[in-house]
Amino acid sequence: MKDLVLYIHGKGGCAGESEHYKHLFPECEVVGLDYQTFTPWETGKEIREAVTKLNAEYDSITLIASSIGAYFSMCAGIDDLIFRAYFISPVVDMEQLIRIMMHWANVTEEELRSKGIISTEFGEDLSWNYLCYVREHPVSWRVQTEILFGSTDKLTDYETISAFAKDHRARLTVMDGGEHWFHTDEQMRFLDNWIINGRSIR
């Protein structure tokens, strides 16, 4: 057996993004997971089942997860199966994010409770059941984790990500001017160096 790097993408991403990380982990197998569901209860289960199967095939699993992929991973109950994690622009407070989107859409909690699901002009459906689930199932994460955060991230503020890092003893790296979606040449170079530096710390 050998070591595995598992990549879990964010919204709009795909498993093929894992190709980028192969040169950073040349001694490991690197694969991506294309999950088929999009709720924490369904996707968490999907990730748990995949990681459980992979755990029987590899000596260790390192997780790289982006945005909501990191949130779904923390909902999966895989702490005992992951050796180390790298979170890129992770969603660490889903209730806060939902409240931000409710503000953008000018939707009150009473309206959302009454209607159940409300579509928005920016393409996100707000769901009362989703909000209730998030409140009733706070994330728990006990894996040694490196976090990369862009200072101009519009979905998470520095105070929230910093508090999460402190509470979970994660090491936080901030890219000045970085966005939620790391995609430019400069941002990807920063990301690569962050992983390389993170790998040297045990």
C-alpha atoms as a PDB file:
ATOM      1  CA  MET A   1       0.000   0.000   0.000  1.00  0.00           C
ATOM      2  CA  LYS A   2       0.987   3.664  -0.262  1.00  0.00           C
ATOM      3  CA  ASP A   3      -0.170   7.087   0.885  1.00  0.00           C
ATOM      4  CA  LEU A   4      -3.146   8.856  -0.661  1.00  0.00           C
ATOM      5  CA  VAL A   5      -3.980  12.514  -1.186  1.00  0.00           C
ATOM      6  CA  LEU A   6      -7.736  12.976  -1.538  1.00  0.00           C
ATOM      7  CA  TYR A   7      -9.050  16.222  -3.047  1.00  0.00           C
ATOM      8  CA  ILE A   8     -12.606  17.373  -2.363  1.00  0.00           C
ATOM      9  CA  HIS A   9     -13.688  20.304  -4.508  1.00  0.00           C
ATOM     10  CA  GLY A  10     -15.898  23.286  -3.777  1.00  0.00           C
ATOM     11  CA  LYS A  11     -19.101  24.331  -5.502  1.00  0.00           C
ATOM     12  CA  GLY A  12     -18.738  24.337  -9.267  1.00  0.00           C
ATOM     13  CA  GLY A  13     -15.476  22.387  -9.072  1.00  0.00           C
ATOM     14  CA  CYS A  14     -14.679  18.837 -10.057  1.00  0.00           C
ATOM     15  CA  ALA A  15     -12.479  15.903  -9.153  1.00  0.00           C
ATOM     16  CA  GLY A  16     -10.215  16.719 -12.097  1.00  0.00           C
ATOM     17  CA  GLU A  17      -8.828  19.674 -10.149  1.00  0.00           C
ATOM     18  CA  SER A  18      -6.840  17.105  -8.187  1.00  0.00           C
ATOM     19  CA  GLU A  19      -4.415  16.908 -11.111  1.00  0.00           C
ATOM     20  CA  HIS A  20      -2.870  20.183  -9.967  1.00  0.00           C
ATOM     21  CA  TYR A  21      -1.658  18.623  -6.721  1.00  0.00           C
ATOM     22  CA  LYS A  22       0.150  15.629  -8.191  1.00  0.00           C
ATOM     23  CA  HIS A  23       3.448  17.461  -8.606  1.00  0.00           C
ATOM     24  CA  LEU A  24       3.264  18.571  -4.968  1.00  0.00           C
ATOM     25  CA  PHE A  25       2.873  14.985  -3.725  1.00  0.00           C
ATOM     26  CA  PRO A  26       4.968  12.945  -6.192  1.00  0.00           C
ATOM     27  CA  GLU A  27       5.320  10.028  -3.788  1.00  0.00           C
ATOM     28  CA  CYS A  28       1.553   9.707  -3.236  1.00  0.00           C
ATOM     29  CA  GLU A  29      -1.480   8.656  -5.182  1.00  0.00           C
ATOM     30  CA  VAL A  30      -3.603  11.764  -5.774  1.00  0.00           C
ATOM     31  CA  VAL A  31      -7.306  11.429  -6.550  1.00  0.00           C
ATOM     32  CA  GLY A  32     -10.368  13.645  -6.485  1.00  0.00           C
ATOM     33  CA  LEU A  33     -13.853  12.836  -5.258  1.00  0.00           C
ATOM     34  CA  ASP A  34     -16.776  13.875  -7.442  1.00  0.00           C
ATOM     35  CA  TYR A  35     -19.590  13.839  -4.916  1.00  0.00           C
ATOM     36  CA  GLN A  36     -23.116  13.697  -6.325  1.00  0.00           C
ATOM     37  CA  THR A  37     -25.096  15.332  -3.520  1.00  0.00           C
ATOM     38  CA  PHE A  38     -25.100  18.871  -2.137  1.00  0.00           C
ATOM     39  CA  THR A  39     -26.361  18.834   1.439  1.00  0.00           C
ATOM     40  CA  PRO A  40     -24.249  18.276   4.558  1.00  0.00           C
ATOM     41  CA  TRP A  41     -26.241  15.209   5.589  1.00  0.00           C
ATOM     42  CA  GLU A  42     -26.064  13.541   2.164  1.00  0.00           C
ATOM     43  CA  THR A  43     -22.608  14.686   1.065  1.00  0.00           C
ATOM     44  CA  GLY A  44     -21.129  14.014   4.503  1.00  0.00           C
ATOM     45  CA  LYS A  45     -22.358  10.427   4.234  1.00  0.00           C
ATOM     46  CA  GLU A  46     -21.017  10.155   0.684  1.00  0.00           C
ATOM     47  CA  ILE A  47     -17.582  11.376   1.759  1.00  0.00           C
ATOM     48  CA  ARG A  48     -17.547   9.102   4.802  1.00  0.00           C
ATOM     49  CA  GLU A  49     -18.310   6.042   2.685  1.00  0.00           C
ATOM     50  CA  ALA A  50     -15.619   6.920   0.129  1.00  0.00           C
ATOM     51  CA  VAL A  51     -12.958   7.637   2.760  1.00  0.00           C
ATOM     52  CA  THR A  52     -13.781   4.468   4.681  1.00  0.00           C
ATOM     53  CA  LYS A  53     -13.246   2.419   1.537  1.00  0.00           C
ATOM     54  CA  LEU A  54     -10.019   4.228   0.661  1.00  0.00           C
ATOM     55  CA  ASN A  55      -8.713   3.833   4.202  1.00  0.00           C
ATOM     56  CA  ALA A  56      -8.618   0.072   3.682  1.00  0.00           C
ATOM     57  CA  GLU A  57      -6.480   0.516   0.560  1.00  0.00           C
ATOM     58  CA  TYR A  58      -3.880   3.075   1.710  1.00  0.00           C
ATOM     59  CA  ASP A  59      -1.473   3.522   4.606  1.00  0.00           C
ATOM     60  CA  SER A  60      -2.599   7.095   5.215  1.00  0.00           C
ATOM     61  CA  ILE A  61      -4.911   9.706   3.730  1.00  0.00           C
ATOM     62  CA  THR A  62      -4.110  13.402   3.430  1.00  0.00           C
ATOM     63  CA  LEU A  63      -7.129  15.572   2.671  1.00  0.00           C
ATOM     64  CA  ILE A  64      -7.144  18.691   0.508  1.00  0.00           C
ATOM     65  CA  ALA A  65     -10.553  20.357   0.538  1.00  0.00           C
ATOM     66  CA  SER A  66     -11.756  23.633  -0.919  1.00  0.00           C
ATOM     67  CA  SER A  67     -14.558  25.966   0.183  1.00  0.00           C
ATOM     68  CA  ILE A  68     -17.773  24.049   0.889  1.00  0.00           C
ATOM     69  CA  GLY A  69     -15.868  20.819   0.232  1.00  0.00           C
ATOM     70  CA  ALA A  70     -14.073  21.480   3.518  1.00  0.00           C
ATOM     71  CA  TYR A  71     -17.384  22.021   5.297  1.00  0.00           C
ATOM     72  CA  PHE A  72     -18.834  18.810   3.871  1.00  0.00           C
ATOM     73  CA  SER A  73     -15.675  16.976   4.946  1.00  0.00           C
ATOM     74  CA  MET A  74     -16.084  18.209   8.516  1.00  0.00           C
ATOM     75  CA  CYS A  75     -19.683  16.931   8.417  1.00  0.00           C
ATOM     76  CA  ALA A  76     -18.510  13.470   7.376  1.00  0.00           C
ATOM     77  CA  GLY A  77     -17.129  12.182  10.669  1.00  0.00           C
ATOM     78  CA  ILE A  78     -13.808  11.166   9.093  1.00  0.00           C
ATOM     79  CA  ASP A  79     -11.465  12.624  11.705  1.00  0.00           C
ATOM     80  CA  ASP A  80     -10.176   9.203  12.691  1.00  0.00           C
ATOM     81  CA  LEU A  81      -9.417   8.301   9.066  1.00  0.00           C
ATOM     82  CA  ILE A  82      -7.454  11.404   7.994  1.00  0.00           C
ATOM     83  CA  PHE A  83      -3.740  11.878   8.693  1.00  0.00           C
ATOM     84  CA  ARG A  84      -3.595  15.566   7.802  1.00  0.00           C
ATOM     85  CA  ALA A  85      -5.728  18.205   6.090  1.00  0.00           C
ATOM     86  CA  TYR A  86      -5.222  21.259   3.914  1.00  0.00           C
ATOM     87  CA  PHE A  87      -8.253  23.567   3.737  1.00  0.00           C
ATOM     88  CA  ILE A  88      -8.387  26.177   0.964  1.00  0.00           C
ATOM     89  CA  SER A  89     -10.862  29.027   1.641  1.00  0.00           C
ATOM     90  CA  PRO A  90     -12.927  26.719   3.850  1.00  0.00           C
ATOM     91  CA  VAL A  91     -16.490  27.434   4.870  1.00  0.00           C
ATOM     92  CA  VAL A  92     -16.111  27.062   8.638  1.00  0.00           C
ATOM     93  CA  ASP A  93     -19.341  28.720   9.808  1.00  0.00           C
ATOM     94  CA  MET A  94     -22.183  27.668   7.536  1.00  0.00           C
ATOM     95  CA  GLU A  95     -24.872  29.364   9.605  1.00  0.00           C
ATOM     96  CA  GLN A  96     -23.049  32.663   9.237  1.00  0.00           C
ATOM     97  CA  LEU A  97     -22.761  32.145   5.468  1.00  0.00           C
ATOM     98  CA  ILE A  98     -26.471  31.385   5.175  1.00  0.00           C
ATOM     99  CA  ARG A  99     -27.260  34.547   7.125  1.00  0.00           C
ATOM    100  CA  ILE A 100     -25.020  36.540   4.763  1.00  0.00           C
ATOM    101  CA  MET A 101     -26.903  35.158   1.759  1.00  0.00           C
ATOM    102  CA  MET A 102     -30.230  35.900   3.452  1.00  0.00           C
ATOM    103  CA  HIS A 103     -29.065  39.479   3.865  1.00  0.00           C
ATOM    104  CA  TRP A 104     -28.041  39.668   0.203  1.00  0.00           C
ATOM    105  CA  ALA A 105     -31.491  38.378  -0.790  1.00  0.00           C
ATOM    106  CA  ASN A 106     -33.316  40.553   1.767  1.00  0.00           C
ATOM    107  CA  VAL A 107     -34.949  37.449   3.267  1.00  0.00           C
ATOM    108  CA  THR A 108     -35.907  37.271   6.935  1.00  0.00           C
ATOM    109  CA  GLU A 109     -35.792  34.132   9.030  1.00  0.00           C
ATOM    110  CA  GLU A 110     -39.564  34.272   9.410  1.00  0.00           C
ATOM    111  CA  GLU A 111     -40.010  34.353   5.626  1.00  0.00           C
ATOM    112  CA  LEU A 112     -37.657  31.416   5.160  1.00  0.00           C
ATOM    113  CA  ARG A 113     -39.417  29.386   7.853  1.00  0.00           C
ATOM    114  CA  SER A 114     -42.775  30.113   6.251  1.00  0.00           C
ATOM    115  CA  LYS A 115     -41.810  29.349   2.642  1.00  0.00           C
ATOM    116  CA  GLY A 116     -39.311  26.540   3.261  1.00  0.00           C
ATOM    117  CA  ILE A 117     -37.223  27.275   0.168  1.00  0.00           C
ATOM    118  CA  ILE A 118     -36.559  30.660  -1.428  1.00  0.00           C
ATOM    119  CA  SER A 119     -34.703  31.107  -4.714  1.00  0.00           C
ATOM    120  CA  THR A 120     -32.372  34.077  -5.041  1.00  0.00           C
ATOM    121  CA  GLU A 121     -31.208  36.271  -7.894  1.00  0.00           C
ATOM    122  CA  PHE A 122     -27.606  35.167  -7.309  1.00  0.00           C
ATOM    123  CA  GLY A 123     -28.439  31.525  -7.993  1.00  0.00           C
ATOM    124  CA  GLU A 124     -28.568  30.047  -4.492  1.00  0.00           C
ATOM    125  CA  ASP A 125     -31.660  28.456  -3.000  1.00  0.00           C
ATOM    126  CA  LEU A 126     -32.132  29.300   0.673  1.00  0.00           C
ATOM    127  CA  SER A 127     -33.562  26.379   2.628  1.00  0.00           C
ATOM    128  CA  TRP A 128     -35.113  26.379   6.091  1.00  0.00           C
ATOM    129  CA  ASN A 129     -34.363  22.666   6.524  1.00  0.00           C
ATOM    130  CA  TYR A 130     -30.721  23.269   5.588  1.00  0.00           C
ATOM    131  CA  LEU A 131     -30.425  26.099   8.115  1.00  0.00           C
ATOM    132  CA  CYS A 132     -32.013  23.978  10.842  1.00  0.00           C
ATOM    133  CA  TYR A 133     -29.656  21.081  10.120  1.00  0.00           C
ATOM    134  CA  VAL A 134     -26.616  23.358  10.312  1.00  0.00           C
ATOM    135  CA  ARG A 135     -27.738  24.717  13.672  1.00  0.00           C
ATOM    136  CA  GLU A 136     -28.449  21.267  15.068  1.00  0.00           C
ATOM    137  CA  HIS A 137     -25.180  19.717  13.843  1.00  0.00           C
ATOM    138  CA  PRO A 138     -22.215  21.973  14.665  1.00  0.00           C
ATOM    139  CA  VAL A 139     -19.003  20.814  13.018  1.00  0.00           C
ATOM    140  CA  SER A 140     -16.402  18.880  14.957  1.00  0.00           C
ATOM    141  CA  TRP A 141     -12.871  18.533  13.570  1.00  0.00           C
ATOM    142  CA  ARG A 142      -9.823  17.024  15.284  1.00  0.00           C
ATOM    143  CA  VAL A 143      -7.384  16.638  12.376  1.00  0.00           C
ATOM    144  CA  GLN A 144      -4.052  18.462  12.137  1.00  0.00           C
ATOM    145  CA  THR A 145      -4.990  21.135   9.611  1.00  0.00           C
ATOM    146  CA  GLU A 146      -3.387  23.864   7.519  1.00  0.00           C
ATOM    147  CA  ILE A 147      -5.752  26.650   6.390  1.00  0.00           C
ATOM    148  CA  LEU A 148      -5.244  29.007   3.448  1.00  0.00           C
ATOM    149  CA  PHE A 149      -7.381  32.161   3.434  1.00  0.00           C
ATOM    150  CA  GLY A 150      -7.548  35.100   1.031  1.00  0.00           C
ATOM    151  CA  SER A 151      -7.842  38.514   2.659  1.00  0.00           C
ATOM    152  CA  THR A 152     -10.584  39.583   0.198  1.00  0.00           C
ATOM    153  CA  ASP A 153     -12.724  36.453   0.678  1.00  0.00           C
ATOM    154  CA  LYS A 154     -16.358  37.597   0.511  1.00  0.00           C
ATOM    155  CA  LEU A 155     -17.825  34.439   2.073  1.00  0.00           C
ATOM    156  CA  THR A 156     -15.813  34.314   5.301  1.00  0.00           C
ATOM    157  CA  ASP A 157     -14.241  37.145   7.278  1.00  0.00           C
ATOM    158  CA  TYR A 158     -10.846  37.058   8.963  1.00  0.00           C
ATOM    159  CA  GLU A 159     -12.307  37.073  12.484  1.00  0.00           C
ATOM    160  CA  THR A 160     -14.344  33.939  11.768  1.00  0.00           C
ATOM    161  CA  ILE A 161     -11.539  31.984  10.128  1.00  0.00           C
ATOM    162  CA  SER A 162      -9.057  33.080  12.780  1.00  0.00           C
ATOM    163  CA  ALA A 163     -11.357  31.980  15.605  1.00  0.00           C
ATOM    164  CA  PHE A 164     -11.890  28.608  13.944  1.00  0.00           C
ATOM    165  CA  ALA A 165      -8.145  28.114  13.504  1.00  0.00           C
ATOM    166  CA  LYS A 166      -7.523  28.961  17.149  1.00  0.00           C
ATOM    167  CA  ASP A 167     -10.307  26.709  18.437  1.00  0.00           C
ATOM    168  CA  HIS A 168      -9.111  23.772  16.311  1.00  0.00           C
ATOM    169  CA  ARG A 169      -5.377  24.381  16.673  1.00  0.00           C
ATOM    170  CA  ALA A 170      -5.021  24.791  12.932  1.00  0.00           C
ATOM    171  CA  ARG A 171      -2.257  26.831  11.317  1.00  0.00           C
ATOM    172  CA  LEU A 172      -3.697  29.774   9.380  1.00  0.00           C
ATOM    173  CA  THR A 173      -1.964  31.350   6.374  1.00  0.00           C
ATOM    174  CA  VAL A 174      -3.419  34.528   4.871  1.00  0.00           C
ATOM    175  CA  MET A 175      -2.683  35.722   1.345  1.00  0.00           C
ATOM    176  CA  ASP A 176      -2.961  39.486   1.164  1.00  0.00           C
ATOM    177  CA  GLY A 177      -5.285  40.225  -1.757  1.00  0.00           C
ATOM    178  CA  GLY A 178      -6.216  36.576  -2.186  1.00  0.00           C
ATOM    179  CA  GLU A 179      -9.790  35.740  -3.166  1.00  0.00           C
ATOM    180  CA  HIS A 180     -12.150  32.979  -2.097  1.00  0.00           C
ATOM    181  CA  TRP A 181     -11.367  31.210  -5.367  1.00  0.00           C
ATOM    182  CA  PHE A 182      -7.621  30.780  -5.784  1.00  0.00           C
ATOM    183  CA  HIS A 183      -7.131  30.700  -9.556  1.00  0.00           C
ATOM    184  CA  THR A 184      -4.696  33.332 -10.865  1.00  0.00           C
ATOM    185  CA  ASP A 185      -1.061  32.440 -11.523  1.00  0.00           C
ATOM    186  CA  GLU A 186       0.037  34.461  -8.508  1.00  0.00           C
ATOM    187  CA  GLN A 187      -2.570  32.872  -6.259  1.00  0.00           C
ATOM    188  CA  MET A 188      -1.719  29.349  -7.405  1.00  0.00           C
ATOM    189  CA  ARG A 189       2.002  29.944  -6.802  1.00  0.00           C
ATOM    190  CA  PHE A 190       1.132  31.127  -3.301  1.00  0.00           C
ATOM    191  CA  LEU A 191      -1.052  28.051  -2.797  1.00  0.00           C
ATOM    192  CA  ASP A 192       1.709  25.705  -3.981  1.00  0.00           C
ATOM    193  CA  ASN A 193       4.261  27.293  -1.668  1.00  0.00           C
ATOM    194  CA  TRP A 194       1.779  27.091   1.206  1.00  0.00           C
ATOM    195  CA  ILE A 195       1.433  23.336   0.708  1.00  0.00           C
ATOM    196  CA  ILE A 196       5.190  22.858   0.323  1.00  0.00           C
ATOM    197  CA  ASN A 197       5.844  24.815   3.517  1.00  0.00           C
ATOM    198  CA  GLY A 198       3.063  22.998   5.310  1.00  0.00           C
ATOM    199  CA  ARG A 199       4.481  19.618   4.372  1.00  0.00           C
ATOM    200  CA  SER A 200       7.767  20.515   6.050  1.00  0.00           C
ATOM    201  CA  ILE A 201       6.033  21.042   9.405  1.00  0.00           C
ATOM    202  CA  ARG A 202       5.063  17.988  11.410  1.00  0.00           C
END
